[in-house]
C-alpha atoms as a PDB file:
ATOM      1  CA  MET A   1    -143.296  -8.572  -2.074  1.00  0.00           C
ATOM      2  CA  SER A   2    -146.311 -10.372  -3.491  1.00  0.00           C
ATOM      3  CA  ASP A   3    -144.256 -13.594  -3.593  1.00  0.00           C
ATOM      4  CA  TYR A   4    -144.012 -13.635   0.220  1.00  0.00           C
ATOM      5  CA  LYS A   5    -146.521 -13.737   3.024  1.00  0.00           C
ATOM      6  CA  ILE A   6    -145.736 -10.873   5.357  1.00  0.00           C
ATOM      7  CA  SER A   7    -148.360 -10.360   8.015  1.00  0.00           C
ATOM      8  CA  GLN A   8    -149.548  -6.983   9.196  1.00  0.00           C
ATOM      9  CA  TYR A   9    -147.746  -5.686  12.269  1.00  0.00           C
ATOM     10  CA  GLY A  10    -149.468  -7.087  15.354  1.00  0.00           C
ATOM     11  CA  GLN A  11    -151.144  -9.883  13.382  1.00  0.00           C
ATOM     12  CA  VAL A  12    -148.249 -12.268  12.736  1.00  0.00           C
ATOM     13  CA  TYR A  13    -149.133 -15.814  11.734  1.00  0.00           C
ATOM     14  CA  ASP A  14    -147.103 -19.040  11.680  1.00  0.00           C
ATOM     15  CA  ASP A  15    -146.544 -18.914   7.912  1.00  0.00           C
ATOM     16  CA  ASP A  16    -145.135 -15.370   8.005  1.00  0.00           C
ATOM     17  CA  GLN A  17    -141.999 -14.948   5.841  1.00  0.00           C
ATOM     18  CA  ILE A  18    -140.503 -11.649   7.039  1.00  0.00           C
ATOM     19  CA  ARG A  19    -137.379 -13.363   8.357  1.00  0.00           C
ATOM     20  CA  GLU A  20    -136.839 -15.124   5.028  1.00  0.00           C
ATOM     21  CA  VAL A  21    -136.999 -11.783   3.243  1.00  0.00           C
ATOM     22  CA  PHE A  22    -134.759 -10.206   5.894  1.00  0.00           C
ATOM     23  CA  GLU A  23    -132.089 -12.873   5.374  1.00  0.00           C
ATOM     24  CA  ARG A  24    -132.042 -12.185   1.632  1.00  0.00           C
ATOM     25  CA  ILE A  25    -131.720  -8.436   2.189  1.00  0.00           C
ATOM     26  CA  GLU A  26    -129.014  -8.962   4.800  1.00  0.00           C
ATOM     27  CA  GLN A  27    -126.851 -10.690   2.165  1.00  0.00           C
ATOM     28  CA  ALA A  28    -127.188  -7.815  -0.321  1.00  0.00           C
ATOM     29  CA  ASP A  29    -124.922  -4.785  -0.551  1.00  0.00           C
ATOM     30  CA  ILE A  30    -127.552  -2.623  -2.232  1.00  0.00           C
ATOM     31  CA  ILE A  31    -131.286  -2.448  -1.593  1.00  0.00           C
ATOM     32  CA  LEU A  32    -133.392  -1.371  -4.553  1.00  0.00           C
ATOM     33  CA  ILE A  33    -137.059  -0.805  -3.780  1.00  0.00           C
ATOM     34  CA  GLY A  34    -139.636  -0.057  -6.418  1.00  0.00           C
ATOM     35  CA  THR A  35    -143.343   0.418  -5.846  1.00  0.00           C
ATOM     36  CA  PRO A  36    -146.415   1.486  -7.715  1.00  0.00           C
ATOM     37  CA  ILE A  37    -148.199   4.532  -6.380  1.00  0.00           C
ATOM     38  CA  TYR A  38    -151.613   3.637  -4.963  1.00  0.00           C
ATOM     39  CA  TRP A  39    -153.880   6.263  -3.442  1.00  0.00           C
ATOM     40  CA  TYR A  40    -151.142   8.915  -3.339  1.00  0.00           C
ATOM     41  CA  THR A  41    -148.533   6.798  -1.566  1.00  0.00           C
ATOM     42  CA  VAL A  42    -146.583   3.536  -1.710  1.00  0.00           C
ATOM     43  CA  SER A  43    -148.352   0.194  -2.040  1.00  0.00           C
ATOM     44  CA  GLY A  44    -149.865  -1.477   1.006  1.00  0.00           C
ATOM     45  CA  LEU A  45    -147.507  -4.439   0.561  1.00  0.00           C
ATOM     46  CA  LEU A  46    -144.497  -2.158   0.816  1.00  0.00           C
ATOM     47  CA  LYS A  47    -145.893  -0.263   3.798  1.00  0.00           C
ATOM     48  CA  THR A  48    -146.496  -3.547   5.633  1.00  0.00           C
ATOM     49  CA  PHE A  49    -142.969  -4.665   4.783  1.00  0.00           C
ATOM     50  CA  ILE A  50    -141.485  -1.411   6.125  1.00  0.00           C
ATOM     51  CA  ASP A  51    -143.516  -1.693   9.334  1.00  0.00           C
ATOM     52  CA  ARG A  52    -142.358  -5.245   9.932  1.00  0.00           C
ATOM     53  CA  LEU A  53    -138.730  -4.755   8.865  1.00  0.00           C
ATOM     54  CA  TYR A  54    -138.258  -1.840  11.233  1.00  0.00           C
ATOM     55  CA  MET A  55    -139.658  -3.818  14.158  1.00  0.00           C
ATOM     56  CA  LEU A  56    -137.315  -6.818  13.776  1.00  0.00           C
ATOM     57  CA  PRO A  57    -134.827  -6.963  16.670  1.00  0.00           C
ATOM     58  CA  GLU A  58    -132.009  -7.777  14.243  1.00  0.00           C
ATOM     59  CA  SER A  59    -132.812  -4.896  11.864  1.00  0.00           C
ATOM     60  CA  GLU A  60    -129.641  -3.065  12.920  1.00  0.00           C
ATOM     61  CA  LYS A  61    -127.719  -5.587  10.795  1.00  0.00           C
ATOM     62  CA  LEU A  62    -128.922  -3.578   7.805  1.00  0.00           C
ATOM     63  CA  ASN A  63    -127.330  -0.321   8.998  1.00  0.00           C
ATOM     64  CA  GLY A  64    -125.236   1.309   6.298  1.00  0.00           C
ATOM     65  CA  LYS A  65    -126.795  -0.598   3.379  1.00  0.00           C
ATOM     66  CA  LYS A  66    -127.179   1.512   0.252  1.00  0.00           C
ATOM     67  CA  LEU A  67    -130.818   2.230  -0.605  1.00  0.00           C
ATOM     68  CA  TYR A  68    -132.232   3.283  -3.953  1.00  0.00           C
ATOM     69  CA  PHE A  69    -135.976   3.893  -4.121  1.00  0.00           C
ATOM     70  CA  PHE A  70    -138.379   4.582  -6.939  1.00  0.00           C
ATOM     71  CA  ALA A  71    -142.138   4.945  -7.095  1.00  0.00           C
ATOM     72  CA  GLN A  72    -144.056   5.066 -10.313  1.00  0.00           C
ATOM     73  CA  GLY A  73    -147.637   6.018 -10.961  1.00  0.00           C
ATOM     74  CA  SER A  74    -149.965   7.900 -13.208  1.00  0.00           C
ATOM     75  CA  GLY A  75    -149.115  11.567 -12.827  1.00  0.00           C
ATOM     76  CA  PRO A  76    -148.186  11.831  -9.148  1.00  0.00           C
ATOM     77  CA  ASP A  77    -148.869  15.332  -7.852  1.00  0.00           C
ATOM     78  CA  ASP A  78    -146.526  17.385  -5.652  1.00  0.00           C
ATOM     79  CA  GLY A  79    -148.208  16.206  -2.436  1.00  0.00           C
ATOM     80  CA  THR A  80    -147.786  12.559  -3.418  1.00  0.00           C
ATOM     81  CA  GLU A  81    -144.136  13.105  -4.266  1.00  0.00           C
ATOM     82  CA  LYS A  82    -143.488  14.901  -0.963  1.00  0.00           C
ATOM     83  CA  THR A  83    -145.260  12.179   1.032  1.00  0.00           C
ATOM     84  CA  ILE A  84    -143.260   9.378  -0.575  1.00  0.00           C
ATOM     85  CA  ILE A  85    -139.952  11.221  -0.268  1.00  0.00           C
ATOM     86  CA  HIS A  86    -140.690  11.897   3.409  1.00  0.00           C
ATOM     87  CA  LEU A  87    -141.454   8.211   4.006  1.00  0.00           C
ATOM     88  CA  VAL A  88    -138.212   7.095   2.355  1.00  0.00           C
ATOM     89  CA  ASN A  89    -136.146   9.694   4.213  1.00  0.00           C
ATOM     90  CA  ARG A  90    -137.631   8.592   7.563  1.00  0.00           C
ATOM     91  CA  LEU A  91    -137.032   4.941   6.683  1.00  0.00           C
ATOM     92  CA  SER A  92    -133.419   5.737   5.839  1.00  0.00           C
ATOM     93  CA  ILE A  93    -132.866   7.675   9.049  1.00  0.00           C
ATOM     94  CA  LEU A  94    -134.496   5.101  11.315  1.00  0.00           C
ATOM     95  CA  MET A  95    -132.893   2.091   9.620  1.00  0.00           C
ATOM     96  CA  LYS A  96    -129.580   3.936   9.121  1.00  0.00           C
ATOM     97  CA  PHE A  97    -129.574   3.215   5.391  1.00  0.00           C
ATOM     98  CA  ASP A  98    -127.225   5.101   3.087  1.00  0.00           C
ATOM     99  CA  LEU A  99    -129.914   6.681   0.890  1.00  0.00           C
ATOM    100  CA  LYS A 100    -128.544   7.070  -2.630  1.00  0.00           C
ATOM    101  CA  GLY A 101    -131.626   8.178  -4.507  1.00  0.00           C
ATOM    102  CA  VAL A 102    -135.396   8.627  -4.467  1.00  0.00           C
ATOM    103  CA  ILE A 103    -137.360   9.105  -7.646  1.00  0.00           C
ATOM    104  CA  VAL A 104    -141.106   9.519  -7.969  1.00  0.00           C
ATOM    105  CA  ASP A 105    -142.273   9.547 -11.576  1.00  0.00           C
ATOM    106  CA  SER A 106    -145.246   9.390 -13.888  1.00  0.00           C
ATOM    107  CA  ASN A 107    -146.340   6.231 -15.617  1.00  0.00           C
ATOM    108  CA  ASP A 108    -143.684   6.409 -18.350  1.00  0.00           C
ATOM    109  CA  GLY A 109    -140.758   6.006 -15.953  1.00  0.00           C
ATOM    110  CA  GLU A 110    -138.504   8.317 -17.976  1.00  0.00           C
ATOM    111  CA  LYS A 111    -137.145  10.103 -14.903  1.00  0.00           C
ATOM    112  CA  ILE A 112    -136.292   6.767 -13.288  1.00  0.00           C
ATOM    113  CA  VAL A 113    -134.349   5.548 -16.310  1.00  0.00           C
ATOM    114  CA  ASN A 114    -132.559   8.858 -16.896  1.00  0.00           C
ATOM    115  CA  ASN A 115    -131.700   9.816 -13.311  1.00  0.00           C
ATOM    116  CA  MET A 116    -131.031   6.690 -11.317  1.00  0.00           C
ATOM    117  CA  THR A 117    -127.552   5.289 -11.638  1.00  0.00           C
ATOM    118  CA  ILE A 118    -126.667   2.522  -9.236  1.00  0.00           C
ATOM    119  CA  GLU A 119    -123.060   2.520  -8.169  1.00  0.00           C
ATOM    120  CA  SER A 120    -121.291  -0.801  -7.924  1.00  0.00           C
END
């Protein structure tokens, strides 16, 4: 997400690139989202992206897309894991994604590598 300028919801500027990102996602069959864990939740960049994506009038074009999600950070506690899983579940329900997996792991990423298989 750091390669694109995506404005905060309600503060959209002329050089905003949310539609460019949307068009790339629209062409994909599978959405794979990875994020570092910052302050017990997903990154601010990802949160801004989710806010903006959901508010696009054409977002229903993404209904049914397969979503895989992983978050990685230094020793996430149970509360962090629950918060992130809740966020991803709500995103999947509201965007009508076909949620295939959510993994929240420590900094070594072992759980991600061992437990996330992406179907073709």
